[in-house]
Amino acid sequence: MGHYRRVAETGAPAFGTTTVPTVNGDPFTYAFAIFPLSTGGDSVAQFIALEDYGDFEPRLSSSLGDPAPWQDQQARAAALAASKK
């Protein structure tokens, strides 16, 4: 919420990364961008926000089958590397 507050106060977009805990408590890092929008005046009325979760993550889309349980990032990277061999 702090990023949104800063964008609302300054009127400038914000870009960065953030880490949040998954339901299992593992860290999950993603990139984001928040763009302010106005209704014609100087004040920010709403936002458009984008989030980039990185490489294709089938567990984030239920339309692709059963989502895999959340894992820490090192375990996911090791599993991905092993699957490519």
PDB file of N, CA and C in Angstrom:
ATOM      1  N   MET A   1       0.820  -1.192   0.000  1.00  0.00           N
ATOM      2  CA  MET A   1       0.000   0.000   0.000  1.00  0.00           C
ATOM      3  C   MET A   1       0.865   1.256   0.000  1.00  0.00           C
ATOM      4  N   GLY A   2       2.060   1.137   0.554  1.00  0.00           N
ATOM      5  CA  GLY A   2       2.954   2.287   0.578  1.00  0.00           C
ATOM      6  C   GLY A   2       3.322   2.770  -0.814  1.00  0.00           C
ATOM      7  N   HIS A   3       3.490   1.842  -1.755  1.00  0.00           N
ATOM      8  CA  HIS A   3       3.814   2.228  -3.131  1.00  0.00           C
ATOM      9  C   HIS A   3       2.653   3.004  -3.749  1.00  0.00           C
ATOM     10  N   TYR A   4       1.436   2.530  -3.539  1.00  0.00           N
ATOM     11  CA  TYR A   4       0.267   3.247  -4.056  1.00  0.00           C
ATOM     12  C   TYR A   4       0.163   4.635  -3.430  1.00  0.00           C
ATOM     13  N   ARG A   5       0.411   4.717  -2.144  1.00  0.00           N
ATOM     14  CA  ARG A   5       0.342   6.014  -1.453  1.00  0.00           C
ATOM     15  C   ARG A   5       1.352   6.988  -2.053  1.00  0.00           C
ATOM     16  N   ARG A   6       2.579   6.503  -2.316  1.00  0.00           N
ATOM     17  CA  ARG A   6       3.606   7.374  -2.895  1.00  0.00           C
ATOM     18  C   ARG A   6       3.218   7.842  -4.292  1.00  0.00           C
ATOM     19  N   VAL A   7       2.669   6.929  -5.102  1.00  0.00           N
ATOM     20  CA  VAL A   7       2.235   7.298  -6.453  1.00  0.00           C
ATOM     21  C   VAL A   7       1.105   8.321  -6.378  1.00  0.00           C
ATOM     22  N   ALA A   8       0.169   8.132  -5.455  1.00  0.00           N
ATOM     23  CA  ALA A   8      -0.937   9.088  -5.302  1.00  0.00           C
ATOM     24  C   ALA A   8      -0.427  10.456  -4.870  1.00  0.00           C
ATOM     25  N   GLU A   9       0.554  10.480  -3.980  1.00  0.00           N
ATOM     26  CA  GLU A   9       1.071  11.752  -3.476  1.00  0.00           C
ATOM     27  C   GLU A   9       1.947  12.481  -4.481  1.00  0.00           C
ATOM     28  N   THR A  10       2.763  11.734  -5.255  1.00  0.00           N
ATOM     29  CA  THR A  10       3.710  12.370  -6.167  1.00  0.00           C
ATOM     30  C   THR A  10       3.190  12.479  -7.595  1.00  0.00           C
ATOM     31  N   GLY A  11       2.249  11.607  -7.974  1.00  0.00           N
ATOM     32  CA  GLY A  11       1.775  11.581  -9.352  1.00  0.00           C
ATOM     33  C   GLY A  11       2.760  10.928 -10.303  1.00  0.00           C
ATOM     34  N   ALA A  12       3.842  10.351  -9.768  1.00  0.00           N
ATOM     35  CA  ALA A  12       4.853   9.687 -10.591  1.00  0.00           C
ATOM     36  C   ALA A  12       4.672   8.172 -10.511  1.00  0.00           C
ATOM     37  N   PRO A  13       4.913   7.447 -11.607  1.00  0.00           N
ATOM     38  CA  PRO A  13       4.802   5.995 -11.551  1.00  0.00           C
ATOM     39  C   PRO A  13       5.856   5.387 -10.623  1.00  0.00           C
ATOM     40  N   ALA A  14       5.590   4.172 -10.178  1.00  0.00           N
ATOM     41  CA  ALA A  14       6.534   3.437  -9.335  1.00  0.00           C
ATOM     42  C   ALA A  14       6.835   2.097  -9.987  1.00  0.00           C
ATOM     43  N   PHE A  15       8.087   1.690  -9.920  1.00  0.00           N
ATOM     44  CA  PHE A  15       8.544   0.420 -10.464  1.00  0.00           C
ATOM     45  C   PHE A  15       9.405  -0.249  -9.407  1.00  0.00           C
ATOM     46  N   GLY A  16       9.376  -1.563  -9.337  1.00  0.00           N
ATOM     47  CA  GLY A  16      10.239  -2.239  -8.381  1.00  0.00           C
ATOM     48  C   GLY A  16       9.923  -3.707  -8.252  1.00  0.00           C
ATOM     49  N   THR A  17      10.455  -4.298  -7.211  1.00  0.00           N
ATOM     50  CA  THR A  17      10.165  -5.679  -6.871  1.00  0.00           C
ATOM     51  C   THR A  17       9.725  -5.719  -5.419  1.00  0.00           C
ATOM     52  N   THR A  18       8.982  -6.734  -5.096  1.00  0.00           N
ATOM     53  CA  THR A  18       8.553  -6.928  -3.720  1.00  0.00           C
ATOM     54  C   THR A  18       8.538  -8.413  -3.427  1.00  0.00           C
ATOM     55  N   THR A  19       8.720  -8.755  -2.183  1.00  0.00           N
ATOM     56  CA  THR A  19       8.685 -10.146  -1.747  1.00  0.00           C
ATOM     57  C   THR A  19       7.576 -10.297  -0.722  1.00  0.00           C
ATOM     58  N   VAL A  20       6.724 -11.277  -0.944  1.00  0.00           N
ATOM     59  CA  VAL A  20       5.610 -11.553  -0.047  1.00  0.00           C
ATOM     60  C   VAL A  20       5.657 -13.026   0.347  1.00  0.00           C
ATOM     61  N   PRO A  21       5.082 -13.373   1.488  1.00  0.00           N
ATOM     62  CA  PRO A  21       5.051 -14.793   1.862  1.00  0.00           C
ATOM     63  C   PRO A  21       3.943 -15.527   1.109  1.00  0.00           C
ATOM     64  N   THR A  22       4.204 -16.772   0.757  1.00  0.00           N
ATOM     65  CA  THR A  22       3.173 -17.619   0.162  1.00  0.00           C
ATOM     66  C   THR A  22       2.318 -18.191   1.287  1.00  0.00           C
ATOM     67  N   VAL A  23       1.308 -18.966   0.925  1.00  0.00           N
ATOM     68  CA  VAL A  23       0.458 -19.568   1.951  1.00  0.00           C
ATOM     69  C   VAL A  23       1.245 -20.511   2.850  1.00  0.00           C
ATOM     70  N   ASN A  24       2.357 -21.048   2.360  1.00  0.00           N
ATOM     71  CA  ASN A  24       3.215 -21.922   3.172  1.00  0.00           C
ATOM     72  C   ASN A  24       4.307 -21.152   3.889  1.00  0.00           C
ATOM     73  N   GLY A  25       4.351 -19.834   3.705  1.00  0.00           N
ATOM     74  CA  GLY A  25       5.354 -19.018   4.373  1.00  0.00           C
ATOM     75  C   GLY A  25       6.637 -18.818   3.600  1.00  0.00           C
ATOM     76  N   ASP A  26       6.758 -19.423   2.417  1.00  0.00           N
ATOM     77  CA  ASP A  26       7.960 -19.255   1.602  1.00  0.00           C
ATOM     78  C   ASP A  26       7.942 -17.877   0.942  1.00  0.00           C
ATOM     79  N   PRO A  27       9.115 -17.294   0.684  1.00  0.00           N
ATOM     80  CA  PRO A  27       9.142 -15.986   0.019  1.00  0.00           C
ATOM     81  C   PRO A  27       8.832 -16.113  -1.473  1.00  0.00           C
ATOM     82  N   PHE A  28       8.086 -15.155  -1.990  1.00  0.00           N
ATOM     83  CA  PHE A  28       7.777 -15.098  -3.417  1.00  0.00           C
ATOM     84  C   PHE A  28       8.041 -13.670  -3.872  1.00  0.00           C
ATOM     85  N   THR A  29       8.957 -13.498  -4.819  1.00  0.00           N
ATOM     86  CA  THR A  29       9.346 -12.175  -5.290  1.00  0.00           C
ATOM     87  C   THR A  29       8.804 -11.945  -6.696  1.00  0.00           C
ATOM     88  N   TYR A  30       8.258 -10.762  -6.916  1.00  0.00           N
ATOM     89  CA  TYR A  30       7.771 -10.408  -8.248  1.00  0.00           C
ATOM     90  C   TYR A  30       8.028  -8.933  -8.511  1.00  0.00           C
ATOM     91  N   ALA A  31       8.044  -8.589  -9.806  1.00  0.00           N
ATOM     92  CA  ALA A  31       8.247  -7.200 -10.228  1.00  0.00           C
ATOM     93  C   ALA A  31       6.889  -6.540 -10.425  1.00  0.00           C
ATOM     94  N   PHE A  32       6.855  -5.223 -10.241  1.00  0.00           N
ATOM     95  CA  PHE A  32       5.594  -4.508 -10.393  1.00  0.00           C
ATOM     96  C   PHE A  32       5.834  -3.125 -10.980  1.00  0.00           C
ATOM     97  N   ALA A  33       4.756  -2.559 -11.524  1.00  0.00           N
ATOM     98  CA  ALA A  33       4.736  -1.168 -11.974  1.00  0.00           C
ATOM     99  C   ALA A  33       3.354  -0.618 -11.640  1.00  0.00           C
ATOM    100  N   ILE A  34       3.321   0.599 -11.111  1.00  0.00           N
ATOM    101  CA  ILE A  34       2.054   1.261 -10.779  1.00  0.00           C
ATOM    102  C   ILE A  34       2.032   2.599 -11.502  1.00  0.00           C
ATOM    103  N   PHE A  35       0.980   2.816 -12.305  1.00  0.00           N
ATOM    104  CA  PHE A  35       0.854   4.039 -13.080  1.00  0.00           C
ATOM    105  C   PHE A  35      -0.363   4.830 -12.596  1.00  0.00           C
ATOM    106  N   PRO A  36      -0.191   6.115 -12.298  1.00  0.00           N
ATOM    107  CA  PRO A  36      -1.319   6.923 -11.838  1.00  0.00           C
ATOM    108  C   PRO A  36      -2.187   7.375 -13.016  1.00  0.00           C
ATOM    109  N   LEU A  37      -3.473   7.494 -12.749  1.00  0.00           N
ATOM    110  CA  LEU A  37      -4.420   8.012 -13.740  1.00  0.00           C
ATOM    111  C   LEU A  37      -5.224   9.129 -13.093  1.00  0.00           C
ATOM    112  N   SER A  38      -5.577  10.125 -13.884  1.00  0.00           N
ATOM    113  CA  SER A  38      -6.428  11.205 -13.377  1.00  0.00           C
ATOM    114  C   SER A  38      -7.671  11.289 -14.260  1.00  0.00           C
ATOM    115  N   THR A  39      -8.618  12.072 -13.833  1.00  0.00           N
ATOM    116  CA  THR A  39      -9.839  12.291 -14.624  1.00  0.00           C
ATOM    117  C   THR A  39      -9.770  13.637 -15.328  1.00  0.00           C
ATOM    118  N   GLY A  40      -8.557  14.096 -15.590  1.00  0.00           N
ATOM    119  CA  GLY A  40      -8.369  15.343 -16.306  1.00  0.00           C
ATOM    120  C   GLY A  40      -7.711  16.422 -15.468  1.00  0.00           C
ATOM    121  N   GLY A  41      -7.656  16.233 -14.170  1.00  0.00           N
ATOM    122  CA  GLY A  41      -7.020  17.213 -13.300  1.00  0.00           C
ATOM    123  C   GLY A  41      -5.638  16.757 -12.882  1.00  0.00           C
ATOM    124  N   ASP A  42      -5.121  17.382 -11.853  1.00  0.00           N
ATOM    125  CA  ASP A  42      -3.795  17.037 -11.363  1.00  0.00           C
ATOM    126  C   ASP A  42      -3.801  15.902 -10.340  1.00  0.00           C
ATOM    127  N   SER A  43      -4.938  15.647  -9.718  1.00  0.00           N
ATOM    128  CA  SER A  43      -4.964  14.631  -8.671  1.00  0.00           C
ATOM    129  C   SER A  43      -5.129  13.237  -9.263  1.00  0.00           C
ATOM    130  N   VAL A  44      -4.565  12.261  -8.581  1.00  0.00           N
ATOM    131  CA  VAL A  44      -4.652  10.866  -9.007  1.00  0.00           C
ATOM    132  C   VAL A  44      -6.007  10.317  -8.585  1.00  0.00           C
ATOM    133  N   ALA A  45      -6.742   9.770  -9.547  1.00  0.00           N
ATOM    134  CA  ALA A  45      -8.074   9.235  -9.276  1.00  0.00           C
ATOM    135  C   ALA A  45      -8.078   7.712  -9.190  1.00  0.00           C
ATOM    136  N   GLN A  46      -7.147   7.073  -9.900  1.00  0.00           N
ATOM    137  CA  GLN A  46      -7.058   5.609  -9.901  1.00  0.00           C
ATOM    138  C   GLN A  46      -5.699   5.200 -10.437  1.00  0.00           C
ATOM    139  N   PHE A  47      -5.467   3.895 -10.506  1.00  0.00           N
ATOM    140  CA  PHE A  47      -4.169   3.371 -10.921  1.00  0.00           C
ATOM    141  C   PHE A  47      -4.352   2.255 -11.931  1.00  0.00           C
ATOM    142  N   ILE A  48      -3.309   2.039 -12.714  1.00  0.00           N
ATOM    143  CA  ILE A  48      -3.148   0.800 -13.469  1.00  0.00           C
ATOM    144  C   ILE A  48      -1.892   0.165 -12.897  1.00  0.00           C
ATOM    145  N   ALA A  49      -2.002  -1.091 -12.505  1.00  0.00           N
ATOM    146  CA  ALA A  49      -0.856  -1.796 -11.926  1.00  0.00           C
ATOM    147  C   ALA A  49      -0.574  -3.063 -12.727  1.00  0.00           C
ATOM    148  N   LEU A  50       0.693  -3.337 -12.924  1.00  0.00           N
ATOM    149  CA  LEU A  50       1.143  -4.552 -13.601  1.00  0.00           C
ATOM    150  C   LEU A  50       2.015  -5.341 -12.636  1.00  0.00           C
ATOM    151  N   GLU A  51       1.884  -6.656 -12.685  1.00  0.00           N
ATOM    152  CA  GLU A  51       2.732  -7.530 -11.883  1.00  0.00           C
ATOM    153  C   GLU A  51       3.322  -8.584 -12.796  1.00  0.00           C
ATOM    154  N   ASP A  52       4.624  -8.817 -12.674  1.00  0.00           N
ATOM    155  CA  ASP A  52       5.327  -9.812 -13.487  1.00  0.00           C
ATOM    156  C   ASP A  52       5.857 -10.888 -12.561  1.00  0.00           C
ATOM    157  N   TYR A  53       5.310 -12.088 -12.701  1.00  0.00           N
ATOM    158  CA  TYR A  53       5.692 -13.199 -11.835  1.00  0.00           C
ATOM    159  C   TYR A  53       6.862 -14.003 -12.388  1.00  0.00           C
ATOM    160  N   GLY A  54       7.495 -13.507 -13.448  1.00  0.00           N
ATOM    161  CA  GLY A  54       8.683 -14.170 -13.978  1.00  0.00           C
ATOM    162  C   GLY A  54       8.338 -15.203 -15.019  1.00  0.00           C
ATOM    163  N   ASP A  55       9.131 -16.270 -15.029  1.00  0.00           N
ATOM    164  CA  ASP A  55       8.923 -17.349 -15.989  1.00  0.00           C
ATOM    165  C   ASP A  55       7.538 -17.953 -15.838  1.00  0.00           C
ATOM    166  N   PHE A  56       7.122 -18.660 -16.849  1.00  0.00           N
ATOM    167  CA  PHE A  56       5.825 -19.324 -16.849  1.00  0.00           C
ATOM    168  C   PHE A  56       5.661 -20.156 -15.581  1.00  0.00           C
ATOM    169  N   GLU A  57       4.618 -19.903 -14.857  1.00  0.00           N
ATOM    170  CA  GLU A  57       4.348 -20.602 -13.603  1.00  0.00           C
ATOM    171  C   GLU A  57       2.968 -21.254 -13.705  1.00  0.00           C
ATOM    172  N   PRO A  58       2.905 -22.525 -14.072  1.00  0.00           N
ATOM    173  CA  PRO A  58       1.598 -23.154 -14.244  1.00  0.00           C
ATOM    174  C   PRO A  58       0.764 -23.163 -12.970  1.00  0.00           C
ATOM    175  N   ARG A  59       1.389 -23.091 -11.822  1.00  0.00           N
ATOM    176  CA  ARG A  59       0.612 -23.128 -10.586  1.00  0.00           C
ATOM    177  C   ARG A  59      -0.219 -21.866 -10.383  1.00  0.00           C
ATOM    178  N   LEU A  60       0.053 -20.814 -11.166  1.00  0.00           N
ATOM    179  CA  LEU A  60      -0.691 -19.578 -11.035  1.00  0.00           C
ATOM    180  C   LEU A  60      -1.952 -19.567 -11.888  1.00  0.00           C
ATOM    181  N   SER A  61      -2.174 -20.595 -12.695  1.00  0.00           N
ATOM    182  CA  SER A  61      -3.336 -20.628 -13.565  1.00  0.00           C
ATOM    183  C   SER A  61      -4.083 -21.947 -13.390  1.00  0.00           C
ATOM    184  N   SER A  62      -5.265 -21.890 -12.816  1.00  0.00           N
ATOM    185  CA  SER A  62      -6.038 -23.111 -12.602  1.00  0.00           C
ATOM    186  C   SER A  62      -6.509 -23.725 -13.916  1.00  0.00           C
ATOM    187  N   SER A  63      -6.503 -22.965 -15.008  1.00  0.00           N
ATOM    188  CA  SER A  63      -6.948 -23.499 -16.294  1.00  0.00           C
ATOM    189  C   SER A  63      -5.944 -24.486 -16.882  1.00  0.00           C
ATOM    190  N   LEU A  64      -4.766 -24.561 -16.303  1.00  0.00           N
ATOM    191  CA  LEU A  64      -3.735 -25.465 -16.825  1.00  0.00           C
ATOM    192  C   LEU A  64      -3.667 -26.776 -16.046  1.00  0.00           C
ATOM    193  N   GLY A  65      -4.623 -27.045 -15.209  1.00  0.00           N
ATOM    194  CA  GLY A  65      -4.619 -28.275 -14.424  1.00  0.00           C
ATOM    195  C   GLY A  65      -4.411 -27.965 -12.953  1.00  0.00           C
ATOM    196  N   ASP A  66      -4.106 -29.004 -12.198  1.00  0.00           N
ATOM    197  CA  ASP A  66      -3.915 -28.830 -10.767  1.00  0.00           C
ATOM    198  C   ASP A  66      -2.670 -27.997 -10.495  1.00  0.00           C
ATOM    199  N   PRO A  67      -2.819 -26.924  -9.729  1.00  0.00           N
ATOM    200  CA  PRO A  67      -1.639 -26.114  -9.408  1.00  0.00           C
ATOM    201  C   PRO A  67      -0.707 -26.869  -8.467  1.00  0.00           C
ATOM    202  N   ALA A  68       0.580 -26.731  -8.706  1.00  0.00           N
ATOM    203  CA  ALA A  68       1.581 -27.343  -7.825  1.00  0.00           C
ATOM    204  C   ALA A  68       1.594 -26.596  -6.500  1.00  0.00           C
ATOM    205  N   PRO A  69       1.920 -27.289  -5.424  1.00  0.00           N
ATOM    206  CA  PRO A  69       2.005 -26.570  -4.142  1.00  0.00           C
ATOM    207  C   PRO A  69       3.132 -25.539  -4.183  1.00  0.00           C
ATOM    208  N   TRP A  70       2.959 -24.481  -3.423  1.00  0.00           N
ATOM    209  CA  TRP A  70       3.991 -23.455  -3.347  1.00  0.00           C
ATOM    210  C   TRP A  70       5.274 -24.068  -2.803  1.00  0.00           C
ATOM    211  N   GLN A  71       6.385 -23.665  -3.385  1.00  0.00           N
ATOM    212  CA  GLN A  71       7.699 -24.115  -2.944  1.00  0.00           C
ATOM    213  C   GLN A  71       8.586 -22.893  -2.823  1.00  0.00           C
ATOM    214  N   ASP A  72       9.693 -23.033  -2.113  1.00  0.00           N
ATOM    215  CA  ASP A  72      10.601 -21.885  -2.083  1.00  0.00           C
ATOM    216  C   ASP A  72      11.272 -21.758  -3.447  1.00  0.00           C
ATOM    217  N   GLN A  73      11.821 -20.611  -3.727  1.00  0.00           N
ATOM    218  CA  GLN A  73      12.352 -20.325  -5.058  1.00  0.00           C
ATOM    219  C   GLN A  73      13.509 -21.239  -5.440  1.00  0.00           C
ATOM    220  N   GLN A  74      14.355 -21.602  -4.507  1.00  0.00           N
ATOM    221  CA  GLN A  74      15.477 -22.484  -4.825  1.00  0.00           C
ATOM    222  C   GLN A  74      14.979 -23.871  -5.207  1.00  0.00           C
ATOM    223  N   ALA A  75      13.973 -24.368  -4.512  1.00  0.00           N
ATOM    224  CA  ALA A  75      13.423 -25.681  -4.846  1.00  0.00           C
ATOM    225  C   ALA A  75      12.779 -25.658  -6.226  1.00  0.00           C
ATOM    226  N   ARG A  76      12.059 -24.566  -6.561  1.00  0.00           N
ATOM    227  CA  ARG A  76      11.452 -24.454  -7.885  1.00  0.00           C
ATOM    228  C   ARG A  76      12.511 -24.414  -8.969  1.00  0.00           C
ATOM    229  N   ALA A  77      13.580 -23.654  -8.747  1.00  0.00           N
ATOM    230  CA  ALA A  77      14.660 -23.556  -9.742  1.00  0.00           C
ATOM    231  C   ALA A  77      15.332 -24.901  -9.940  1.00  0.00           C
ATOM    232  N   ALA A  78      15.559 -25.630  -8.850  1.00  0.00           N
ATOM    233  CA  ALA A  78      16.191 -26.961  -8.955  1.00  0.00           C
ATOM    234  C   ALA A  78      15.283 -27.925  -9.710  1.00  0.00           C
ATOM    235  N   ALA A  79      13.978 -27.891  -9.438  1.00  0.00           N
ATOM    236  CA  ALA A  79      13.036 -28.763 -10.130  1.00  0.00           C
ATOM    237  C   ALA A  79      12.977 -28.427 -11.614  1.00  0.00           C
ATOM    238  N   LEU A  80      12.982 -27.153 -11.946  1.00  0.00           N
ATOM    239  CA  LEU A  80      12.958 -26.732 -13.344  1.00  0.00           C
ATOM    240  C   LEU A  80      14.225 -27.190 -14.062  1.00  0.00           C
ATOM    241  N   ALA A  81      15.381 -27.018 -13.436  1.00  0.00           N
ATOM    242  CA  ALA A  81      16.642 -27.442 -14.045  1.00  0.00           C
ATOM    243  C   ALA A  81      16.658 -28.948 -14.262  1.00  0.00           C
ATOM    244  N   ALA A  82      16.143 -29.704 -13.305  1.00  0.00           N
ATOM    245  CA  ALA A  82      16.111 -31.161 -13.429  1.00  0.00           C
ATOM    246  C   ALA A  82      15.169 -31.603 -14.549  1.00  0.00           C
ATOM    247  N   SER A  83      14.066 -30.876 -14.737  1.00  0.00           N
ATOM    248  CA  SER A  83      13.100 -31.260 -15.770  1.00  0.00           C
ATOM    249  C   SER A  83      13.615 -31.001 -17.182  1.00  0.00           C
ATOM    250  N   LYS A  84      14.617 -30.127 -17.311  1.00  0.00           N
ATOM    251  CA  LYS A  84      15.173 -29.796 -18.622  1.00  0.00           C
ATOM    252  C   LYS A  84      16.281 -30.750 -19.054  1.00  0.00           C
ATOM    253  N   LYS A  85      16.678 -31.670 -18.160  1.00  0.00           N
ATOM    254  CA  LYS A  85      17.758 -32.623 -18.483  1.00  0.00           C
ATOM    255  C   LYS A  85      17.246 -33.810 -19.233  1.00  0.00           C
TER     256      LYS A  85
END
